[in-house]
Protein backbone atom coordinates (compact mmCIF):
# COMPACT_ATOMS: atom_id res chain seq x y z
CA MET A 1 -16.96 -5.57 -10.86
CA PRO A 2 -13.69 -3.72 -11.56
CA GLU A 3 -10.57 -5.83 -11.94
CA LEU A 4 -7.59 -5.58 -9.61
CA LYS A 5 -4.55 -4.00 -11.30
CA ILE A 6 -1.25 -5.86 -11.41
CA LEU A 7 1.19 -3.62 -9.53
CA SER A 8 4.80 -3.71 -8.44
CA GLY A 9 5.92 -3.03 -4.89
CA ASN A 10 7.38 0.31 -5.98
CA GLN A 11 4.07 1.34 -7.58
CA ILE A 12 2.19 0.56 -4.36
CA ILE A 13 4.76 2.48 -2.29
CA LYS A 14 4.30 5.48 -4.61
CA ILE A 15 0.49 5.27 -4.23
CA LEU A 16 0.68 5.12 -0.44
CA THR A 17 3.10 8.06 -0.19
CA LYS A 18 0.34 10.17 -1.76
CA PHE A 19 -1.66 9.46 1.41
CA GLY A 20 1.09 10.60 3.76
CA PHE A 21 2.97 7.34 4.29
CA SER A 22 6.75 7.46 4.21
CA ILE A 23 9.43 4.79 4.18
CA GLU A 24 10.47 4.04 7.74
CA ARG A 25 12.95 1.28 6.94
CA GLN A 26 13.74 -1.59 4.62
CA LYS A 27 14.89 -5.08 5.48
CA GLY A 28 15.71 -7.23 2.50
CA SER A 29 13.02 -6.72 -0.10
CA HIS A 30 10.33 -5.54 2.35
CA VAL A 31 9.67 -1.88 3.06
CA LYS A 32 7.90 -0.63 6.16
CA LEU A 33 5.77 2.46 5.53
CA GLN A 34 4.47 4.59 8.38
CA ARG A 35 2.44 7.69 9.03
CA THR A 36 1.14 9.27 12.22
CA VAL A 37 -2.44 10.53 12.43
CA ASP A 38 -3.78 12.08 15.63
CA GLY A 39 -0.92 10.56 17.61
CA SER A 40 -1.64 7.07 16.26
CA ARG A 41 1.08 5.32 14.24
CA GLN A 42 -0.13 3.52 11.14
CA THR A 43 2.16 0.92 9.58
CA LEU A 44 2.08 -1.11 6.36
CA THR A 45 4.70 -3.54 5.05
CA ILE A 46 5.14 -3.77 1.30
CA PRO A 47 7.29 -6.31 -0.57
CA ARG A 48 9.44 -4.45 -3.10
CA HIS A 49 9.07 -6.99 -5.92
CA GLN A 50 8.74 -6.38 -9.67
CA GLU A 51 5.25 -7.84 -9.86
CA LEU A 52 3.09 -8.82 -6.91
CA ASP A 53 0.54 -11.65 -6.92
CA LYS A 54 -3.10 -10.56 -6.98
CA GLY A 55 -3.61 -12.07 -3.53
CA THR A 56 -0.78 -9.99 -2.11
CA ILE A 57 -2.09 -6.81 -3.76
CA LYS A 58 -5.58 -7.51 -2.40
CA ALA A 59 -4.18 -8.09 1.11
CA ILE A 60 -2.24 -4.80 0.98
CA TYR A 61 -5.36 -3.01 -0.28
CA ASN A 62 -7.46 -4.45 2.55
CA GLN A 63 -4.87 -3.42 5.15
CA ALA A 64 -4.57 0.08 3.69
CA ARG A 65 -8.37 0.48 3.85
CA GLN A 66 -8.05 0.57 7.64
CA TYR A 67 -6.21 3.89 7.29
CA VAL A 68 -7.34 5.42 3.97
CA ALA A 69 -10.91 5.90 2.75
CA GLU A 70 -11.88 3.14 0.31
CA GLY A 71 -13.16 5.61 -2.27
CA GLU A 72 -9.78 7.32 -2.46
CA LEU A 73 -7.79 4.09 -2.49
CA LYS A 74 -9.89 2.04 -4.93
CA LYS A 75 -9.07 4.09 -8.04
CA HIS A 76 -5.38 3.28 -7.60
CA PHE A 77 -5.82 -0.48 -7.13
CA TYR A 78 -8.72 -1.31 -9.48
CA ALA A 79 -9.10 -0.76 -13.23
């Protein structure tokens, strides 16, 4: 099984912008990303920390899978 990469909040934000998400706002160290698809607003919140825990990265990955095909997303999150 491939191993989850250790990523920073900025790296995850960069990955998700490739899929059409853009920064909606930031409060403290958390950034809210949004995109609209077929009139439906899709939102993800990403902590902008230097290094995220594996559990946090996995949770973000699982949330993003609701909006982005797993095959496209997996290569960015797993080694």
